[in-house]
C-alpha atoms as a PDB file:
ATOM      1  CA  MET A   1      55.624   4.455 -15.521  1.00  0.00           C
ATOM      2  CA  LEU A   2      57.017   6.038 -12.337  1.00  0.00           C
ATOM      3  CA  GLN A   3      58.135   2.602 -11.083  1.00  0.00           C
ATOM      4  CA  ARG A   4      60.091   2.002 -14.321  1.00  0.00           C
ATOM      5  CA  LEU A   5      61.751   5.479 -13.877  1.00  0.00           C
ATOM      6  CA  LEU A   6      62.780   4.763 -10.248  1.00  0.00           C
ATOM      7  CA  ARG A   7      63.699   1.042 -10.720  1.00  0.00           C
ATOM      8  CA  THR A   8      67.341   0.285  -9.983  1.00  0.00           C
ATOM      9  CA  ASN A   9      69.476  -2.416  -8.560  1.00  0.00           C
ATOM     10  CA  ASN A  10      71.708  -2.496  -5.475  1.00  0.00           C
ATOM     11  CA  ASP A  11      74.873  -1.630  -7.393  1.00  0.00           C
ATOM     12  CA  LEU A  12      77.416   0.307  -5.453  1.00  0.00           C
ATOM     13  CA  SER A  13      79.347   1.337  -8.617  1.00  0.00           C
ATOM     14  CA  LEU A  14      76.242   3.301  -9.749  1.00  0.00           C
ATOM     15  CA  THR A  15      76.141   4.985  -6.352  1.00  0.00           C
ATOM     16  CA  LEU A  16      79.781   5.983  -6.698  1.00  0.00           C
ATOM     17  CA  MET A  17      79.173   7.292 -10.280  1.00  0.00           C
ATOM     18  CA  ARG A  18      76.186   9.401  -9.349  1.00  0.00           C
ATOM     19  CA  LEU A  19      77.927  10.889  -6.346  1.00  0.00           C
ATOM     20  CA  VAL A  20      81.060  11.750  -8.206  1.00  0.00           C
ATOM     21  CA  LEU A  21      78.984  13.286 -11.023  1.00  0.00           C
ATOM     22  CA  ALA A  22      76.893  15.296  -8.540  1.00  0.00           C
ATOM     23  CA  PHE A  23      79.963  16.618  -6.718  1.00  0.00           C
ATOM     24  CA  CYS A  24      81.542  17.666 -10.068  1.00  0.00           C
ATOM     25  CA  ILE A  25      78.415  19.334 -11.449  1.00  0.00           C
ATOM     26  CA  PHE A  26      77.013  20.964  -8.311  1.00  0.00           C
ATOM     27  CA  PRO A  27      79.640  23.740  -8.000  1.00  0.00           C
ATOM     28  CA  HIS A  28      78.900  24.851 -11.637  1.00  0.00           C
ATOM     29  CA  GLY A  29      75.203  25.174 -10.855  1.00  0.00           C
ATOM     30  CA  ALA A  30      75.846  26.903  -7.543  1.00  0.00           C
ATOM     31  CA  GLN A  31      78.140  29.384  -9.321  1.00  0.00           C
ATOM     32  CA  LYS A  32      75.499  30.320 -11.868  1.00  0.00           C
ATOM     33  CA  LEU A  33      72.442  30.191  -9.551  1.00  0.00           C
ATOM     34  CA  LEU A  34      73.755  31.479  -6.175  1.00  0.00           C
ATOM     35  CA  GLY A  35      77.115  33.110  -6.971  1.00  0.00           C
ATOM     36  CA  TRP A  36      78.980  30.550  -4.861  1.00  0.00           C
ATOM     37  CA  PHE A  37      82.520  29.299  -5.686  1.00  0.00           C
ATOM     38  CA  GLY A  38      83.437  32.552  -7.437  1.00  0.00           C
ATOM     39  CA  GLY A  39      80.354  32.626  -9.608  1.00  0.00           C
ATOM     40  CA  ARG A  40      78.288  35.668 -10.490  1.00  0.00           C
ATOM     41  CA  GLY A  41      74.772  34.459  -9.661  1.00  0.00           C
ATOM     42  CA  LEU A  42      71.619  34.045 -11.760  1.00  0.00           C
ATOM     43  CA  GLY A  43      71.104  37.458 -13.352  1.00  0.00           C
ATOM     44  CA  PRO A  44      74.702  37.888 -14.658  1.00  0.00           C
ATOM     45  CA  SER A  45      74.794  34.243 -15.761  1.00  0.00           C
ATOM     46  CA  ILE A  46      71.668  34.747 -17.901  1.00  0.00           C
ATOM     47  CA  GLU A  47      73.237  37.888 -19.418  1.00  0.00           C
ATOM     48  CA  ILE A  48      76.564  36.044 -20.178  1.00  0.00           C
ATOM     49  CA  PHE A  49      74.815  33.070 -21.772  1.00  0.00           C
ATOM     50  CA  ALA A  50      72.613  35.424 -23.913  1.00  0.00           C
ATOM     51  CA  LYS A  51      75.468  37.666 -25.067  1.00  0.00           C
ATOM     52  CA  ALA A  52      78.358  35.175 -25.470  1.00  0.00           C
ATOM     53  CA  TYR A  53      76.489  32.028 -26.555  1.00  0.00           C
ATOM     54  CA  HIS A  54      73.145  33.379 -27.852  1.00  0.00           C
ATOM     55  CA  VAL A  55      71.230  31.091 -25.441  1.00  0.00           C
ATOM     56  CA  PRO A  56      67.723  32.284 -24.570  1.00  0.00           C
ATOM     57  CA  PRO A  57      67.141  33.116 -20.924  1.00  0.00           C
ATOM     58  CA  ALA A  58      64.593  30.311 -20.425  1.00  0.00           C
ATOM     59  CA  LEU A  59      67.045  27.667 -21.677  1.00  0.00           C
ATOM     60  CA  THR A  60      69.769  29.143 -19.465  1.00  0.00           C
ATOM     61  CA  VAL A  61      67.582  28.902 -16.402  1.00  0.00           C
ATOM     62  CA  ILE A  62      66.748  25.271 -17.322  1.00  0.00           C
ATOM     63  CA  ALA A  63      70.417  24.375 -17.702  1.00  0.00           C
ATOM     64  CA  ILE A  64      71.283  26.056 -14.374  1.00  0.00           C
ATOM     65  CA  CYS A  65      68.465  24.203 -12.612  1.00  0.00           C
ATOM     66  CA  ILE A  66      69.646  20.890 -14.073  1.00  0.00           C
ATOM     67  CA  GLU A  67      73.140  21.543 -12.790  1.00  0.00           C
ATOM     68  CA  PHE A  68      72.038  22.698  -9.326  1.00  0.00           C
ATOM     69  CA  PHE A  69      68.901  20.790  -8.474  1.00  0.00           C
ATOM     70  CA  GLY A  70      69.841  17.773 -10.614  1.00  0.00           C
ATOM     71  CA  SER A  71      73.069  17.436  -8.669  1.00  0.00           C
ATOM     72  CA  ILE A  72      71.159  17.468  -5.375  1.00  0.00           C
ATOM     73  CA  ALA A  73      68.786  14.811  -6.811  1.00  0.00           C
ATOM     74  CA  LEU A  74      71.776  12.698  -7.760  1.00  0.00           C
ATOM     75  CA  VAL A  75      73.190  12.881  -4.245  1.00  0.00           C
ATOM     76  CA  LEU A  76      69.854  11.722  -2.857  1.00  0.00           C
ATOM     77  CA  GLY A  77      69.440   9.193  -5.664  1.00  0.00           C
ATOM     78  CA  LEU A  78      65.964  10.649  -6.349  1.00  0.00           C
ATOM     79  CA  LEU A  79      64.783  10.585  -9.941  1.00  0.00           C
ATOM     80  CA  ALA A  80      68.382   9.806 -10.835  1.00  0.00           C
ATOM     81  CA  ARG A  81      67.549   8.645 -14.376  1.00  0.00           C
ATOM     82  CA  LEU A  82      65.932  11.927 -15.150  1.00  0.00           C
ATOM     83  CA  SER A  83      68.721  13.920 -13.568  1.00  0.00           C
ATOM     84  CA  GLY A  84      71.337  11.870 -15.369  1.00  0.00           C
ATOM     85  CA  LEU A  85      69.621  12.499 -18.703  1.00  0.00           C
ATOM     86  CA  GLY A  86      69.343  16.214 -17.950  1.00  0.00           C
ATOM     87  CA  VAL A  87      73.035  16.468 -17.057  1.00  0.00           C
ATOM     88  CA  ALA A  88      74.000  14.462 -20.133  1.00  0.00           C
ATOM     89  CA  VAL A  89      72.017  16.830 -22.417  1.00  0.00           C
ATOM     90  CA  THR A  90      73.328  19.947 -20.608  1.00  0.00           C
ATOM     91  CA  MET A  91      76.959  18.825 -20.920  1.00  0.00           C
ATOM     92  CA  THR A  92      76.530  17.871 -24.576  1.00  0.00           C
ATOM     93  CA  VAL A  93      75.139  21.338 -25.349  1.00  0.00           C
ATOM     94  CA  ALA A  94      77.943  22.981 -23.290  1.00  0.00           C
ATOM     95  CA  ALA A  95      80.605  21.036 -25.138  1.00  0.00           C
ATOM     96  CA  TYR A  96      79.042  21.882 -28.476  1.00  0.00           C
ATOM     97  CA  GLN A  97      78.313  25.566 -27.740  1.00  0.00           C
ATOM     98  CA  THR A  98      81.493  26.587 -26.003  1.00  0.00           C
ATOM     99  CA  TYR A  99      84.362  24.207 -26.709  1.00  0.00           C
ATOM    100  CA  LEU A 100      83.977  21.919 -29.706  1.00  0.00           C
ATOM    101  CA  HIS A 101      84.537  24.702 -32.236  1.00  0.00           C
ATOM    102  CA  PHE A 102      88.128  25.030 -30.959  1.00  0.00           C
ATOM    103  CA  GLY A 103      88.775  21.461 -32.016  1.00  0.00           C
ATOM    104  CA  ASN A 104      90.678  20.588 -28.808  1.00  0.00           C
ATOM    105  CA  PHE A 105      90.222  17.372 -26.906  1.00  0.00           C
ATOM    106  CA  PHE A 106      92.497  18.067 -23.932  1.00  0.00           C
ATOM    107  CA  MET A 107      91.915  20.784 -21.412  1.00  0.00           C
ATOM    108  CA  ASN A 108      94.102  23.858 -21.716  1.00  0.00           C
ATOM    109  CA  TRP A 109      96.317  23.224 -18.690  1.00  0.00           C
ATOM    110  CA  PHE A 110      99.242  25.321 -19.828  1.00  0.00           C
ATOM    111  CA  ASN A 111      97.361  27.974 -21.771  1.00  0.00           C
ATOM    112  CA  LEU A 112      99.002  26.928 -25.008  1.00  0.00           C
ATOM    113  CA  GLN A 113      95.860  26.524 -27.077  1.00  0.00           C
ATOM    114  CA  LYS A 114      92.852  28.682 -27.854  1.00  0.00           C
ATOM    115  CA  GLY A 115      89.897  27.563 -25.791  1.00  0.00           C
ATOM    116  CA  GLU A 116      89.406  24.459 -23.686  1.00  0.00           C
ATOM    117  CA  GLY A 117      88.978  20.830 -24.611  1.00  0.00           C
ATOM    118  CA  ILE A 118      86.030  18.478 -24.173  1.00  0.00           C
ATOM    119  CA  GLU A 119      87.544  15.665 -22.104  1.00  0.00           C
ATOM    120  CA  TYR A 120      85.735  16.776 -18.924  1.00  0.00           C
ATOM    121  CA  HIS A 121      82.450  16.947 -20.806  1.00  0.00           C
ATOM    122  CA  LEU A 122      82.863  13.472 -22.224  1.00  0.00           C
ATOM    123  CA  LEU A 123      83.449  12.019 -18.786  1.00  0.00           C
ATOM    124  CA  ALA A 124      80.426  13.752 -17.354  1.00  0.00           C
ATOM    125  CA  ILE A 125      78.216  12.739 -20.342  1.00  0.00           C
ATOM    126  CA  VAL A 126      79.189   9.066 -20.046  1.00  0.00           C
ATOM    127  CA  LEU A 127      78.644   9.027 -16.260  1.00  0.00           C
ATOM    128  CA  ALA A 128      75.279  10.750 -16.679  1.00  0.00           C
ATOM    129  CA  LEU A 129      74.156   8.384 -19.478  1.00  0.00           C
ATOM    130  CA  ALA A 130      75.155   5.327 -17.348  1.00  0.00           C
ATOM    131  CA  ILE A 131      72.901   6.669 -14.536  1.00  0.00           C
ATOM    132  CA  ALA A 132      70.113   7.510 -17.002  1.00  0.00           C
ATOM    133  CA  ILE A 133      70.262   3.979 -18.372  1.00  0.00           C
ATOM    134  CA  ARG A 134      70.921   1.912 -15.180  1.00  0.00           C
ATOM    135  CA  GLY A 135      69.433   4.067 -12.431  1.00  0.00           C
ATOM    136  CA  ALA A 136      70.640   5.335  -9.103  1.00  0.00           C
ATOM    137  CA  GLY A 137      72.000   2.092  -7.613  1.00  0.00           C
ATOM    138  CA  ALA A 138      72.385   1.326  -3.960  1.00  0.00           C
ATOM    139  CA  LEU A 139      71.828   3.834  -1.179  1.00  0.00           C
ATOM    140  CA  SER A 140      69.263   5.784  -3.144  1.00  0.00           C
ATOM    141  CA  LEU A 141      65.787   7.070  -2.601  1.00  0.00           C
ATOM    142  CA  ASP A 142      64.790   5.642  -5.999  1.00  0.00           C
ATOM    143  CA  ARG A 143      65.640   2.149  -4.671  1.00  0.00           C
ATOM    144  CA  LEU A 144      63.858   2.768  -1.384  1.00  0.00           C
ATOM    145  CA  LEU A 145      60.711   3.982  -3.119  1.00  0.00           C
ATOM    146  CA  THR A 146      60.792   1.035  -5.547  1.00  0.00           C
ATOM    147  CA  ASP A 147      61.183  -1.417  -2.695  1.00  0.00           C
ATOM    148  CA  VAL A 148      58.302   0.125  -0.771  1.00  0.00           C
ATOM    149  CA  ALA A 149      56.045   0.027  -3.905  1.00  0.00           C
ATOM    150  CA  VAL A 150      56.963  -3.631  -4.604  1.00  0.00           C
ATOM    151  CA  SER A 151      56.317  -4.538  -0.934  1.00  0.00           C
ATOM    152  CA  LYS A 152      52.900  -2.844  -0.957  1.00  0.00           C
ATOM    153  CA  ALA A 153      51.992  -4.620  -4.261  1.00  0.00           C
ATOM    154  CA  GLU A 154      52.967  -7.966  -2.834  1.00  0.00           C
ATOM    155  CA  SER A 155      51.023  -7.341   0.336  1.00  0.00           C
ATOM    156  CA  GLY A 156      47.951  -6.395  -1.668  1.00  0.00           C
ATOM    157  CA  ARG A 157      48.219  -9.633  -3.742  1.00  0.00           C
ATOM    158  CA  GLN A 158      48.560 -11.716  -0.556  1.00  0.00           C
ATOM    159  CA  ILE A 159      45.517 -10.061   1.007  1.00  0.00           C
ATOM    160  CA  LYS A 160      43.522 -10.571  -2.182  1.00  0.00           C
ATOM    161  CA  ALA A 161      44.616 -14.213  -2.427  1.00  0.00           C
ATOM    162  CA  LYS A 162      43.595 -14.864   1.223  1.00  0.00           C
ATOM    163  CA  SER A 163      40.167 -13.261   0.754  1.00  0.00           C
ATOM    164  CA  GLN A 164      39.515 -15.322  -2.417  1.00  0.00           C
ATOM    165  CA  SER A 165      40.532 -18.567  -0.706  1.00  0.00           C
ATOM    166  CA  ALA A 166      38.335 -17.865   2.344  1.00  0.00           C
END
């Protein structure tokens, strides 16, 4: 089961997708968890999500952890499928809870519409789903761990075959 979760190929395009996604999502998690990048930190974020969006504190903490720790995992390429799925779900809920009801597709660049659009969310969701489906790609800990597991399994089979033939 774990090997299936970690398995990935040596695809550099997946590496690029997961790094871009991580660098786009990380600041949002850092704002909410640590107060970095102009954010307010964990306590105020929980309060805002509860009051403005009626999201229970436990779900807010889960979403913040996905954004923050999931982004770090994506950079490392560790459990990238799980992190990608988490980001996809978080961004889908964010689009639905906060933006979709305005009916806007495009971002509100010129402050001419009420609310924001969902184009950013759609890009993040598609990148995250691609990673969830295909894995971390090249230069990832998932690939390294899979290669080590396969190498150990092959060594074990060779040793067993030698002992049976002797």
